[in-house]
Amino acid sequence: MHLLRWQGLQKVQTLRWIELLGCGMVDPAVFASVDEKRIAAGLEPAYDAKKISGFAFGMGVDRIAMMKYGVSDIGQFYAGDVRFLGQFA
């Protein structure tokens, strides 16, 4: 990782770490939900949520977009404002 100097971010201050590759454990409820949908579709359960665990990770493209376009609040990407999101289409 690299330290980034960026003055325009409110939630990430100057010379702070920026998480680009977020990761964490999968909630067991996700596996239980998959099994519920499989059972509803007439299939056998695939997971025992008490025995199976998972690790999830992904690229934080929203943070890269914040830096590239000078967006100060990451929440704007998830607020559903079509006028805001239309700038990036």
PDB file of N, CA and C in Angstrom:
ATOM      1  N   MET A   1       0.837  -1.183   0.000  1.00  0.00           N
ATOM      2  CA  MET A   1       0.000   0.000   0.000  1.00  0.00           C
ATOM      3  C   MET A   1       0.879   1.242   0.000  1.00  0.00           C
ATOM      4  N   HIS A   2       0.309   2.303  -0.470  1.00  0.00           N
ATOM      5  CA  HIS A   2       1.035   3.560  -0.508  1.00  0.00           C
ATOM      6  C   HIS A   2       0.279   4.612   0.287  1.00  0.00           C
ATOM      7  N   LEU A   3       1.001   5.510   0.907  1.00  0.00           N
ATOM      8  CA  LEU A   3       0.358   6.651   1.549  1.00  0.00           C
ATOM      9  C   LEU A   3      -0.009   7.659   0.477  1.00  0.00           C
ATOM     10  N   LEU A   4      -1.221   8.152   0.552  1.00  0.00           N
ATOM     11  CA  LEU A   4      -1.680   9.100  -0.448  1.00  0.00           C
ATOM     12  C   LEU A   4      -1.911  10.458   0.192  1.00  0.00           C
ATOM     13  N   ARG A   5      -1.472  11.503  -0.454  1.00  0.00           N
ATOM     14  CA  ARG A   5      -1.730  12.859   0.028  1.00  0.00           C
ATOM     15  C   ARG A   5      -2.864  13.417  -0.826  1.00  0.00           C
ATOM     16  N   TRP A   6      -4.002  13.649  -0.194  1.00  0.00           N
ATOM     17  CA  TRP A   6      -5.167  14.121  -0.935  1.00  0.00           C
ATOM     18  C   TRP A   6      -5.914  15.109  -0.055  1.00  0.00           C
ATOM     19  N   GLN A   7      -6.051  16.324  -0.496  1.00  0.00           N
ATOM     20  CA  GLN A   7      -6.643  17.373   0.326  1.00  0.00           C
ATOM     21  C   GLN A   7      -8.171  17.404   0.265  1.00  0.00           C
ATOM     22  N   GLY A   8      -8.794  16.865  -0.779  1.00  0.00           N
ATOM     23  CA  GLY A   8     -10.224  17.040  -0.990  1.00  0.00           C
ATOM     24  C   GLY A   8     -11.126  16.035  -0.302  1.00  0.00           C
ATOM     25  N   LEU A   9     -10.602  15.075   0.422  1.00  0.00           N
ATOM     26  CA  LEU A   9     -11.450  14.062   1.033  1.00  0.00           C
ATOM     27  C   LEU A   9     -11.801  14.422   2.470  1.00  0.00           C
ATOM     28  N   GLN A  10     -13.077  14.322   2.815  1.00  0.00           N
ATOM     29  CA  GLN A  10     -13.492  14.612   4.186  1.00  0.00           C
ATOM     30  C   GLN A  10     -13.310  13.399   5.088  1.00  0.00           C
ATOM     31  N   LYS A  11     -13.656  12.229   4.586  1.00  0.00           N
ATOM     32  CA  LYS A  11     -13.632  11.046   5.430  1.00  0.00           C
ATOM     33  C   LYS A  11     -12.257  10.391   5.485  1.00  0.00           C
ATOM     34  N   VAL A  12     -11.365  10.733   4.586  1.00  0.00           N
ATOM     35  CA  VAL A  12      -9.997  10.233   4.605  1.00  0.00           C
ATOM     36  C   VAL A  12      -9.096  11.459   4.647  1.00  0.00           C
ATOM     37  N   GLN A  13      -8.377  11.627   5.723  1.00  0.00           N
ATOM     38  CA  GLN A  13      -7.597  12.839   5.900  1.00  0.00           C
ATOM     39  C   GLN A  13      -6.229  12.714   5.242  1.00  0.00           C
ATOM     40  N   THR A  14      -5.528  13.825   5.164  1.00  0.00           N
ATOM     41  CA  THR A  14      -4.203  13.888   4.559  1.00  0.00           C
ATOM     42  C   THR A  14      -3.259  12.885   5.214  1.00  0.00           C
ATOM     43  N   LEU A  15      -2.489  12.193   4.384  1.00  0.00           N
ATOM     44  CA  LEU A  15      -1.493  11.220   4.829  1.00  0.00           C
ATOM     45  C   LEU A  15      -2.083  10.114   5.693  1.00  0.00           C
ATOM     46  N   ARG A  16      -3.238   9.617   5.298  1.00  0.00           N
ATOM     47  CA  ARG A  16      -3.868   8.497   5.985  1.00  0.00           C
ATOM     48  C   ARG A  16      -3.939   7.335   5.021  1.00  0.00           C
ATOM     49  N   TRP A  17      -4.090   6.131   5.529  1.00  0.00           N
ATOM     50  CA  TRP A  17      -4.244   4.950   4.688  1.00  0.00           C
ATOM     51  C   TRP A  17      -5.617   4.970   4.041  1.00  0.00           C
ATOM     52  N   ILE A  18      -5.688   4.539   2.810  1.00  0.00           N
ATOM     53  CA  ILE A  18      -6.965   4.406   2.112  1.00  0.00           C
ATOM     54  C   ILE A  18      -7.139   2.932   1.779  1.00  0.00           C
ATOM     55  N   GLU A  19      -8.250   2.367   2.207  1.00  0.00           N
ATOM     56  CA  GLU A  19      -8.517   0.958   1.959  1.00  0.00           C
ATOM     57  C   GLU A  19      -8.985   0.786   0.518  1.00  0.00           C
ATOM     58  N   LEU A  20      -8.183   0.094  -0.284  1.00  0.00           N
ATOM     59  CA  LEU A  20      -8.552  -0.161  -1.678  1.00  0.00           C
ATOM     60  C   LEU A  20      -9.007  -1.598  -1.890  1.00  0.00           C
ATOM     61  N   LEU A  21      -8.491  -2.501  -1.123  1.00  0.00           N
ATOM     62  CA  LEU A  21      -8.860  -3.914  -1.241  1.00  0.00           C
ATOM     63  C   LEU A  21      -9.510  -4.359   0.059  1.00  0.00           C
ATOM     64  N   GLY A  22     -10.784  -4.042   0.225  1.00  0.00           N
ATOM     65  CA  GLY A  22     -11.496  -4.418   1.434  1.00  0.00           C
ATOM     66  C   GLY A  22     -11.698  -5.918   1.515  1.00  0.00           C
ATOM     67  N   CYS A  23     -11.742  -6.432   2.729  1.00  0.00           N
ATOM     68  CA  CYS A  23     -11.950  -7.865   2.905  1.00  0.00           C
ATOM     69  C   CYS A  23     -12.546  -8.139   4.271  1.00  0.00           C
ATOM     70  N   GLY A  24     -13.057  -9.329   4.445  1.00  0.00           N
ATOM     71  CA  GLY A  24     -13.622  -9.721   5.729  1.00  0.00           C
ATOM     72  C   GLY A  24     -14.277 -11.077   5.631  1.00  0.00           C
ATOM     73  N   MET A  25     -14.794 -11.515   6.749  1.00  0.00           N
ATOM     74  CA  MET A  25     -15.455 -12.812   6.820  1.00  0.00           C
ATOM     75  C   MET A  25     -16.893 -12.693   6.308  1.00  0.00           C
ATOM     76  N   VAL A  26     -17.356 -13.749   5.638  1.00  0.00           N
ATOM     77  CA  VAL A  26     -18.734 -13.784   5.148  1.00  0.00           C
ATOM     78  C   VAL A  26     -19.646 -14.112   6.326  1.00  0.00           C
ATOM     79  N   ASP A  27     -20.719 -13.354   6.453  1.00  0.00           N
ATOM     80  CA  ASP A  27     -21.703 -13.593   7.509  1.00  0.00           C
ATOM     81  C   ASP A  27     -22.350 -14.955   7.273  1.00  0.00           C
ATOM     82  N   PRO A  28     -22.451 -15.805   8.303  1.00  0.00           N
ATOM     83  CA  PRO A  28     -23.095 -17.121   8.133  1.00  0.00           C
ATOM     84  C   PRO A  28     -24.521 -17.013   7.601  1.00  0.00           C
ATOM     85  N   ALA A  29     -25.183 -15.880   7.818  1.00  0.00           N
ATOM     86  CA  ALA A  29     -26.539 -15.699   7.303  1.00  0.00           C
ATOM     87  C   ALA A  29     -26.562 -15.724   5.776  1.00  0.00           C
ATOM     88  N   VAL A  30     -25.451 -15.387   5.141  1.00  0.00           N
ATOM     89  CA  VAL A  30     -25.376 -15.435   3.673  1.00  0.00           C
ATOM     90  C   VAL A  30     -25.503 -16.880   3.207  1.00  0.00           C
ATOM     91  N   PHE A  31     -24.765 -17.775   3.849  1.00  0.00           N
ATOM     92  CA  PHE A  31     -24.850 -19.195   3.488  1.00  0.00           C
ATOM     93  C   PHE A  31     -26.242 -19.744   3.774  1.00  0.00           C
ATOM     94  N   ALA A  32     -26.831 -19.351   4.902  1.00  0.00           N
ATOM     95  CA  ALA A  32     -28.180 -19.804   5.240  1.00  0.00           C
ATOM     96  C   ALA A  32     -29.186 -19.316   4.198  1.00  0.00           C
ATOM     97  N   SER A  33     -29.017 -18.082   3.726  1.00  0.00           N
ATOM     98  CA  SER A  33     -29.912 -17.530   2.717  1.00  0.00           C
ATOM     99  C   SER A  33     -29.810 -18.303   1.398  1.00  0.00           C
ATOM    100  N   VAL A  34     -28.591 -18.678   1.032  1.00  0.00           N
ATOM    101  CA  VAL A  34     -28.402 -19.460  -0.196  1.00  0.00           C
ATOM    102  C   VAL A  34     -29.149 -20.782  -0.078  1.00  0.00           C
ATOM    103  N   ASP A  35     -29.017 -21.421   1.081  1.00  0.00           N
ATOM    104  CA  ASP A  35     -29.716 -22.686   1.274  1.00  0.00           C
ATOM    105  C   ASP A  35     -31.229 -22.520   1.225  1.00  0.00           C
ATOM    106  N   GLU A  36     -31.747 -21.440   1.807  1.00  0.00           N
ATOM    107  CA  GLU A  36     -33.188 -21.189   1.760  1.00  0.00           C
ATOM    108  C   GLU A  36     -33.665 -21.069   0.327  1.00  0.00           C
ATOM    109  N   LYS A  37     -32.914 -20.372  -0.501  1.00  0.00           N
ATOM    110  CA  LYS A  37     -33.297 -20.203  -1.907  1.00  0.00           C
ATOM    111  C   LYS A  37     -33.185 -21.527  -2.666  1.00  0.00           C
ATOM    112  N   ARG A  38     -32.169 -22.328  -2.330  1.00  0.00           N
ATOM    113  CA  ARG A  38     -32.037 -23.642  -2.977  1.00  0.00           C
ATOM    114  C   ARG A  38     -33.215 -24.539  -2.615  1.00  0.00           C
ATOM    115  N   ILE A  39     -33.606 -24.545  -1.339  1.00  0.00           N
ATOM    116  CA  ILE A  39     -34.728 -25.371  -0.890  1.00  0.00           C
ATOM    117  C   ILE A  39     -36.014 -24.910  -1.573  1.00  0.00           C
ATOM    118  N   ALA A  40     -36.204 -23.584  -1.676  1.00  0.00           N
ATOM    119  CA  ALA A  40     -37.396 -23.044  -2.341  1.00  0.00           C
ATOM    120  C   ALA A  40     -37.432 -23.437  -3.811  1.00  0.00           C
ATOM    121  N   ALA A  41     -36.251 -23.632  -4.418  1.00  0.00           N
ATOM    122  CA  ALA A  41     -36.176 -24.014  -5.831  1.00  0.00           C
ATOM    123  C   ALA A  41     -36.218 -25.532  -6.003  1.00  0.00           C
ATOM    124  N   GLY A  42     -36.424 -26.269  -4.896  1.00  0.00           N
ATOM    125  CA  GLY A  42     -36.512 -27.728  -4.981  1.00  0.00           C
ATOM    126  C   GLY A  42     -35.165 -28.429  -4.978  1.00  0.00           C
ATOM    127  N   LEU A  43     -34.097 -27.718  -4.603  1.00  0.00           N
ATOM    128  CA  LEU A  43     -32.762 -28.307  -4.551  1.00  0.00           C
ATOM    129  C   LEU A  43     -32.380 -28.614  -3.105  1.00  0.00           C
ATOM    130  N   GLU A  44     -31.385 -29.455  -2.962  1.00  0.00           N
ATOM    131  CA  GLU A  44     -30.901 -29.768  -1.617  1.00  0.00           C
ATOM    132  C   GLU A  44     -30.014 -28.640  -1.104  1.00  0.00           C
ATOM    133  N   PRO A  45     -29.978 -28.461   0.222  1.00  0.00           N
ATOM    134  CA  PRO A  45     -29.076 -27.451   0.783  1.00  0.00           C
ATOM    135  C   PRO A  45     -27.628 -27.748   0.410  1.00  0.00           C
ATOM    136  N   ALA A  46     -26.838 -26.718   0.193  1.00  0.00           N
ATOM    137  CA  ALA A  46     -25.444 -26.888  -0.200  1.00  0.00           C
ATOM    138  C   ALA A  46     -24.478 -26.593   0.941  1.00  0.00           C
ATOM    139  N   TYR A  47     -24.925 -25.836   1.935  1.00  0.00           N
ATOM    140  CA  TYR A  47     -24.028 -25.392   2.998  1.00  0.00           C
ATOM    141  C   TYR A  47     -24.618 -25.695   4.366  1.00  0.00           C
ATOM    142  N   ASP A  48     -23.764 -26.044   5.285  1.00  0.00           N
ATOM    143  CA  ASP A  48     -24.136 -26.083   6.693  1.00  0.00           C
ATOM    144  C   ASP A  48     -23.476 -24.858   7.307  1.00  0.00           C
ATOM    145  N   ALA A  49     -24.257 -23.826   7.572  1.00  0.00           N
ATOM    146  CA  ALA A  49     -23.718 -22.540   8.026  1.00  0.00           C
ATOM    147  C   ALA A  49     -22.932 -22.664   9.329  1.00  0.00           C
ATOM    148  N   LYS A  50     -23.130 -23.766  10.064  1.00  0.00           N
ATOM    149  CA  LYS A  50     -22.379 -23.968  11.303  1.00  0.00           C
ATOM    150  C   LYS A  50     -20.992 -24.549  11.033  1.00  0.00           C
ATOM    151  N   LYS A  51     -20.808 -25.150   9.873  1.00  0.00           N
ATOM    152  CA  LYS A  51     -19.528 -25.779   9.537  1.00  0.00           C
ATOM    153  C   LYS A  51     -18.731 -25.013   8.484  1.00  0.00           C
ATOM    154  N   ILE A  52     -19.418 -24.221   7.681  1.00  0.00           N
ATOM    155  CA  ILE A  52     -18.779 -23.522   6.561  1.00  0.00           C
ATOM    156  C   ILE A  52     -18.542 -22.059   6.934  1.00  0.00           C
ATOM    157  N   SER A  53     -17.371 -21.557   6.578  1.00  0.00           N
ATOM    158  CA  SER A  53     -17.097 -20.130   6.730  1.00  0.00           C
ATOM    159  C   SER A  53     -16.540 -19.627   5.409  1.00  0.00           C
ATOM    160  N   GLY A  54     -16.515 -18.344   5.249  1.00  0.00           N
ATOM    161  CA  GLY A  54     -16.035 -17.791   3.984  1.00  0.00           C
ATOM    162  C   GLY A  54     -15.276 -16.495   4.190  1.00  0.00           C
ATOM    163  N   PHE A  55     -14.466 -16.185   3.215  1.00  0.00           N
ATOM    164  CA  PHE A  55     -13.663 -14.966   3.223  1.00  0.00           C
ATOM    165  C   PHE A  55     -13.995 -14.207   1.941  1.00  0.00           C
ATOM    166  N   ALA A  56     -14.322 -12.940   2.061  1.00  0.00           N
ATOM    167  CA  ALA A  56     -14.705 -12.140   0.899  1.00  0.00           C
ATOM    168  C   ALA A  56     -13.740 -10.969   0.745  1.00  0.00           C
ATOM    169  N   PHE A  57     -13.474 -10.607  -0.487  1.00  0.00           N
ATOM    170  CA  PHE A  57     -12.619  -9.450  -0.746  1.00  0.00           C
ATOM    171  C   PHE A  57     -13.003  -8.843  -2.080  1.00  0.00           C
ATOM    172  N   GLY A  58     -12.628  -7.606  -2.268  1.00  0.00           N
ATOM    173  CA  GLY A  58     -12.946  -6.945  -3.519  1.00  0.00           C
ATOM    174  C   GLY A  58     -12.194  -5.640  -3.660  1.00  0.00           C
ATOM    175  N   MET A  59     -12.153  -5.154  -4.873  1.00  0.00           N
ATOM    176  CA  MET A  59     -11.446  -3.916  -5.186  1.00  0.00           C
ATOM    177  C   MET A  59     -12.322  -2.726  -4.863  1.00  0.00           C
ATOM    178  N   GLY A  60     -11.795  -1.748  -4.150  1.00  0.00           N
ATOM    179  CA  GLY A  60     -12.549  -0.559  -3.776  1.00  0.00           C
ATOM    180  C   GLY A  60     -12.501   0.496  -4.863  1.00  0.00           C
ATOM    181  N   VAL A  61     -13.206   0.251  -5.963  1.00  0.00           N
ATOM    182  CA  VAL A  61     -13.177   1.206  -7.074  1.00  0.00           C
ATOM    183  C   VAL A  61     -13.819   2.529  -6.686  1.00  0.00           C
ATOM    184  N   ASP A  62     -14.688   2.510  -5.681  1.00  0.00           N
ATOM    185  CA  ASP A  62     -15.304   3.759  -5.245  1.00  0.00           C
ATOM    186  C   ASP A  62     -14.253   4.710  -4.686  1.00  0.00           C
ATOM    187  N   ARG A  63     -13.261   4.189  -3.981  1.00  0.00           N
ATOM    188  CA  ARG A  63     -12.209   5.047  -3.424  1.00  0.00           C
ATOM    189  C   ARG A  63     -11.323   5.625  -4.531  1.00  0.00           C
ATOM    190  N   ILE A  64     -11.072   4.829  -5.550  1.00  0.00           N
ATOM    191  CA  ILE A  64     -10.276   5.311  -6.680  1.00  0.00           C
ATOM    192  C   ILE A  64     -11.048   6.425  -7.393  1.00  0.00           C
ATOM    193  N   ALA A  65     -12.360   6.228  -7.571  1.00  0.00           N
ATOM    194  CA  ALA A  65     -13.193   7.258  -8.205  1.00  0.00           C
ATOM    195  C   ALA A  65     -13.209   8.528  -7.362  1.00  0.00           C
ATOM    196  N   MET A  66     -13.214   8.383  -6.041  1.00  0.00           N
ATOM    197  CA  MET A  66     -13.180   9.562  -5.173  1.00  0.00           C
ATOM    198  C   MET A  66     -11.937  10.398  -5.451  1.00  0.00           C
ATOM    199  N   MET A  67     -10.808   9.716  -5.563  1.00  0.00           N
ATOM    200  CA  MET A  67      -9.562  10.437  -5.806  1.00  0.00           C
ATOM    201  C   MET A  67      -9.526  11.042  -7.199  1.00  0.00           C
ATOM    202  N   LYS A  68      -9.966  10.265  -8.191  1.00  0.00           N
ATOM    203  CA  LYS A  68      -9.902  10.733  -9.575  1.00  0.00           C
ATOM    204  C   LYS A  68     -10.811  11.930  -9.827  1.00  0.00           C
ATOM    205  N   TYR A  69     -12.034  11.883  -9.277  1.00  0.00           N
ATOM    206  CA  TYR A  69     -13.024  12.919  -9.573  1.00  0.00           C
ATOM    207  C   TYR A  69     -13.204  13.940  -8.453  1.00  0.00           C
ATOM    208  N   GLY A  70     -12.427  13.829  -7.380  1.00  0.00           N
ATOM    209  CA  GLY A  70     -12.506  14.805  -6.299  1.00  0.00           C
ATOM    210  C   GLY A  70     -13.785  14.735  -5.485  1.00  0.00           C
ATOM    211  N   VAL A  71     -14.351  13.549  -5.349  1.00  0.00           N
ATOM    212  CA  VAL A  71     -15.567  13.362  -4.547  1.00  0.00           C
ATOM    213  C   VAL A  71     -15.163  13.336  -3.078  1.00  0.00           C
ATOM    214  N   SER A  72     -15.823  14.145  -2.255  1.00  0.00           N
ATOM    215  CA  SER A  72     -15.411  14.269  -0.859  1.00  0.00           C
ATOM    216  C   SER A  72     -16.135  13.319   0.086  1.00  0.00           C
ATOM    217  N   ASP A  73     -17.257  12.740  -0.332  1.00  0.00           N
ATOM    218  CA  ASP A  73     -18.030  11.871   0.556  1.00  0.00           C
ATOM    219  C   ASP A  73     -18.380  10.580  -0.172  1.00  0.00           C
ATOM    220  N   ILE A  74     -17.845   9.458   0.298  1.00  0.00           N
ATOM    221  CA  ILE A  74     -18.076   8.163  -0.351  1.00  0.00           C
ATOM    222  C   ILE A  74     -19.553   7.789  -0.350  1.00  0.00           C
ATOM    223  N   GLY A  75     -20.300   8.299   0.612  1.00  0.00           N
ATOM    224  CA  GLY A  75     -21.721   8.006   0.707  1.00  0.00           C
ATOM    225  C   GLY A  75     -22.522   8.467  -0.493  1.00  0.00           C
ATOM    226  N   GLN A  76     -22.002   9.436  -1.231  1.00  0.00           N
ATOM    227  CA  GLN A  76     -22.717   9.921  -2.417  1.00  0.00           C
ATOM    228  C   GLN A  76     -22.861   8.819  -3.474  1.00  0.00           C
ATOM    229  N   PHE A  77     -21.924   7.902  -3.526  1.00  0.00           N
ATOM    230  CA  PHE A  77     -22.009   6.818  -4.510  1.00  0.00           C
ATOM    231  C   PHE A  77     -23.148   5.857  -4.190  1.00  0.00           C
ATOM    232  N   TYR A  78     -23.572   5.793  -2.937  1.00  0.00           N
ATOM    233  CA  TYR A  78     -24.575   4.816  -2.508  1.00  0.00           C
ATOM    234  C   TYR A  78     -25.913   5.447  -2.147  1.00  0.00           C
ATOM    235  N   ALA A  79     -26.031   6.758  -2.293  1.00  0.00           N
ATOM    236  CA  ALA A  79     -27.260   7.460  -1.934  1.00  0.00           C
ATOM    237  C   ALA A  79     -28.365   7.295  -2.982  1.00  0.00           C
ATOM    238  N   GLY A  80     -28.018   6.861  -4.173  1.00  0.00           N
ATOM    239  CA  GLY A  80     -29.020   6.657  -5.214  1.00  0.00           C
ATOM    240  C   GLY A  80     -29.417   7.914  -5.966  1.00  0.00           C
ATOM    241  N   ASP A  81     -28.661   8.970  -5.851  1.00  0.00           N
ATOM    242  CA  ASP A  81     -28.952  10.219  -6.554  1.00  0.00           C
ATOM    243  C   ASP A  81     -28.486  10.078  -8.005  1.00  0.00           C
ATOM    244  N   VAL A  82     -29.442   9.931  -8.912  1.00  0.00           N
ATOM    245  CA  VAL A  82     -29.130   9.702 -10.327  1.00  0.00           C
ATOM    246  C   VAL A  82     -28.388  10.888 -10.928  1.00  0.00           C
ATOM    247  N   ARG A  83     -28.674  12.097 -10.446  1.00  0.00           N
ATOM    248  CA  ARG A  83     -27.971  13.276 -10.971  1.00  0.00           C
ATOM    249  C   ARG A  83     -26.482  13.186 -10.668  1.00  0.00           C
ATOM    250  N   PHE A  84     -26.141  12.743  -9.459  1.00  0.00           N
ATOM    251  CA  PHE A  84     -24.737  12.599  -9.082  1.00  0.00           C
ATOM    252  C   PHE A  84     -24.083  11.461  -9.890  1.00  0.00           C
ATOM    253  N   LEU A  85     -24.741  10.306  -9.911  1.00  0.00           N
ATOM    254  CA  LEU A  85     -24.167   9.140 -10.581  1.00  0.00           C
ATOM    255  C   LEU A  85     -24.058   9.333 -12.083  1.00  0.00           C
ATOM    256  N   GLY A  86     -24.950  10.142 -12.676  1.00  0.00           N
ATOM    257  CA  GLY A  86     -24.935  10.385 -14.116  1.00  0.00           C
ATOM    258  C   GLY A  86     -23.644  11.045 -14.595  1.00  0.00           C
ATOM    259  N   GLN A  87     -22.912  11.678 -13.710  1.00  0.00           N
ATOM    260  CA  GLN A  87     -21.650  12.311 -14.092  1.00  0.00           C
ATOM    261  C   GLN A  87     -20.602  11.288 -14.514  1.00  0.00           C
ATOM    262  N   PHE A  88     -20.767  10.063 -14.058  1.00  0.00           N
ATOM    263  CA  PHE A  88     -19.741   9.047 -14.288  1.00  0.00           C
ATOM    264  C   PHE A  88     -20.146   8.044 -15.359  1.00  0.00           C
ATOM    265  N   ALA A  89     -21.275   8.254 -15.997  1.00  0.00           N
ATOM    266  CA  ALA A  89     -21.758   7.310 -17.020  1.00  0.00           C
ATOM    267  C   ALA A  89     -21.094   7.579 -18.358  1.00  0.00           C
TER     268      ALA A  89
END
